[in-house]
């Protein structure tokens, strides 16, 4: 239990949360762009992560991974252009329901946007 609490204390440092947020923002930008995927973003980020502390490096890598998946879902749902290969099916299965709610006069957030914080 003491090791778990020690690890939790390291994860909850403000610097690590800032890196997680920055990684998520970078991942969203990469994920929205068609043709750029999460493995490519992680491969480009690994040389930078080698010079960081291990926990901070993992936090930014996790943020980029989750951000790219969410960014790919945004472009797949809103523009019918999947940003990542994993979001290609969302183009077909989620588009009609979101467009129907938008055309009916009330806006409902896409399911990928609602599940982004708990997905990974």
Protein backbone atom coordinates (compact mmCIF):
# COMPACT_ATOMS: atom_id res chain seq x y z
CA UNK A 1 0.00 0.00 0.00
CA UNK A 2 2.86 2.39 0.74
CA UNK A 3 4.25 1.93 -2.79
CA UNK A 4 0.85 2.69 -4.28
CA UNK A 5 0.53 5.90 -2.26
CA UNK A 6 4.07 6.90 -3.17
CA UNK A 7 3.33 6.39 -6.88
CA UNK A 8 0.05 8.26 -6.56
CA UNK A 9 1.87 11.18 -4.94
CA UNK A 10 4.33 11.29 -7.85
CA UNK A 11 1.54 11.22 -10.42
CA UNK A 12 -0.40 14.02 -8.75
CA UNK A 13 2.42 16.56 -9.02
CA UNK A 14 1.38 19.77 -10.83
CA UNK A 15 4.14 19.38 -13.43
CA UNK A 16 2.88 15.93 -14.38
CA UNK A 17 -0.68 17.19 -14.74
CA UNK A 18 0.56 20.05 -16.92
CA UNK A 19 2.41 17.56 -19.12
CA UNK A 20 -0.70 15.39 -19.33
CA UNK A 21 -2.75 18.40 -20.41
CA UNK A 22 -0.12 19.52 -22.93
CA UNK A 23 0.10 16.00 -24.33
CA UNK A 24 -3.67 15.81 -24.67
CA UNK A 25 -3.78 19.15 -26.49
CA UNK A 26 -0.97 18.08 -28.82
CA UNK A 27 -2.71 14.76 -29.39
CA UNK A 28 -5.96 16.49 -30.28
CA UNK A 29 -4.16 18.60 -32.88
CA UNK A 30 -2.41 15.57 -34.37
CA UNK A 31 -5.54 13.40 -34.27
CA UNK A 32 -7.71 15.88 -36.14
CA UNK A 33 -5.29 16.00 -39.07
CA UNK A 34 -6.03 13.21 -41.56
CA UNK A 35 -3.10 10.90 -42.12
CA UNK A 36 -1.42 11.44 -38.76
CA UNK A 37 -2.09 8.73 -36.21
CA UNK A 38 -1.19 7.96 -32.63
CA UNK A 39 1.79 5.68 -33.41
CA UNK A 40 3.30 8.42 -35.56
CA UNK A 41 2.80 11.04 -32.85
CA UNK A 42 4.29 8.75 -30.21
CA UNK A 43 7.25 7.91 -32.44
CA UNK A 44 7.97 11.61 -32.94
CA UNK A 45 7.67 12.29 -29.21
CA UNK A 46 9.90 9.44 -27.97
CA UNK A 47 13.23 11.31 -28.49
CA UNK A 48 11.89 14.17 -26.37
CA UNK A 49 10.58 11.76 -23.73
CA UNK A 50 14.01 10.13 -23.32
CA UNK A 51 15.38 13.31 -21.77
CA UNK A 52 12.57 13.55 -19.20
CA UNK A 53 11.88 11.92 -15.87
CA UNK A 54 10.14 8.53 -16.37
CA UNK A 55 6.80 9.50 -14.79
CA UNK A 56 6.66 12.80 -16.68
CA UNK A 57 7.52 11.05 -19.94
CA UNK A 58 4.76 8.50 -19.45
CA UNK A 59 2.26 11.21 -18.59
CA UNK A 60 2.93 13.14 -21.79
CA UNK A 61 2.90 9.94 -23.87
CA UNK A 62 -0.43 8.87 -22.36
CA UNK A 63 -1.85 12.32 -23.01
CA UNK A 64 -0.77 12.25 -26.66
CA UNK A 65 -2.18 8.75 -27.15
CA UNK A 66 -5.60 9.56 -25.72
CA UNK A 67 -5.65 12.94 -27.44
CA UNK A 68 -5.01 11.43 -30.86
CA UNK A 69 -7.82 8.92 -30.43
CA UNK A 70 -10.23 11.67 -29.39
CA UNK A 71 -9.06 14.04 -32.14
CA UNK A 72 -9.53 11.36 -34.75
CA UNK A 73 -13.07 10.79 -33.53
CA UNK A 74 -13.87 14.51 -33.74
CA UNK A 75 -12.87 14.79 -37.37
CA UNK A 76 -14.60 11.51 -38.22
CA UNK A 77 -17.88 12.64 -36.70
CA UNK A 78 -17.96 16.28 -37.70
CA UNK A 79 -16.28 16.31 -41.11
CA UNK A 80 -16.77 12.69 -42.23
CA UNK A 81 -13.01 12.39 -42.60
CA UNK A 82 -11.42 10.01 -40.09
CA UNK A 83 -8.29 11.54 -38.62
CA UNK A 84 -6.99 8.17 -37.46
CA UNK A 85 -7.58 4.64 -38.76
CA UNK A 86 -9.28 3.72 -35.48
CA UNK A 87 -11.93 6.40 -36.09
CA UNK A 88 -12.92 5.15 -39.55
CA UNK A 89 -15.94 3.25 -38.24
CA UNK A 90 -17.18 6.26 -36.28
CA UNK A 91 -17.65 8.02 -39.60
CA UNK A 92 -20.54 5.71 -40.41
CA UNK A 93 -22.08 4.69 -37.11
CA UNK A 94 -22.16 8.02 -35.26
CA UNK A 95 -22.71 10.54 -38.02
CA UNK A 96 -26.42 10.07 -38.58
CA UNK A 97 -27.47 10.42 -34.94
CA UNK A 98 -25.41 13.56 -34.38
CA UNK A 99 -26.67 15.18 -37.59
CA UNK A 100 -30.28 14.38 -36.72
CA UNK A 101 -30.00 16.09 -33.35
CA UNK A 102 -28.27 19.08 -34.95
CA UNK A 103 -30.90 19.39 -37.68
CA UNK A 104 -33.71 19.13 -35.12
CA UNK A 105 -32.58 22.42 -33.59
CA UNK A 106 -30.85 21.21 -30.45
CA UNK A 107 -27.19 20.39 -30.19
CA UNK A 108 -26.09 17.16 -28.59
CA UNK A 109 -22.40 16.45 -28.14
CA UNK A 110 -21.05 13.46 -30.06
CA UNK A 111 -20.60 10.28 -28.00
CA UNK A 112 -16.84 10.35 -28.53
CA UNK A 113 -16.69 13.77 -26.86
CA UNK A 114 -18.61 12.59 -23.82
CA UNK A 115 -16.47 9.47 -23.30
CA UNK A 116 -13.07 11.04 -23.96
CA UNK A 117 -11.94 11.48 -20.32
CA UNK A 118 -12.59 7.83 -19.41
CA UNK A 119 -11.41 6.20 -22.62
CA UNK A 120 -7.89 5.11 -23.30
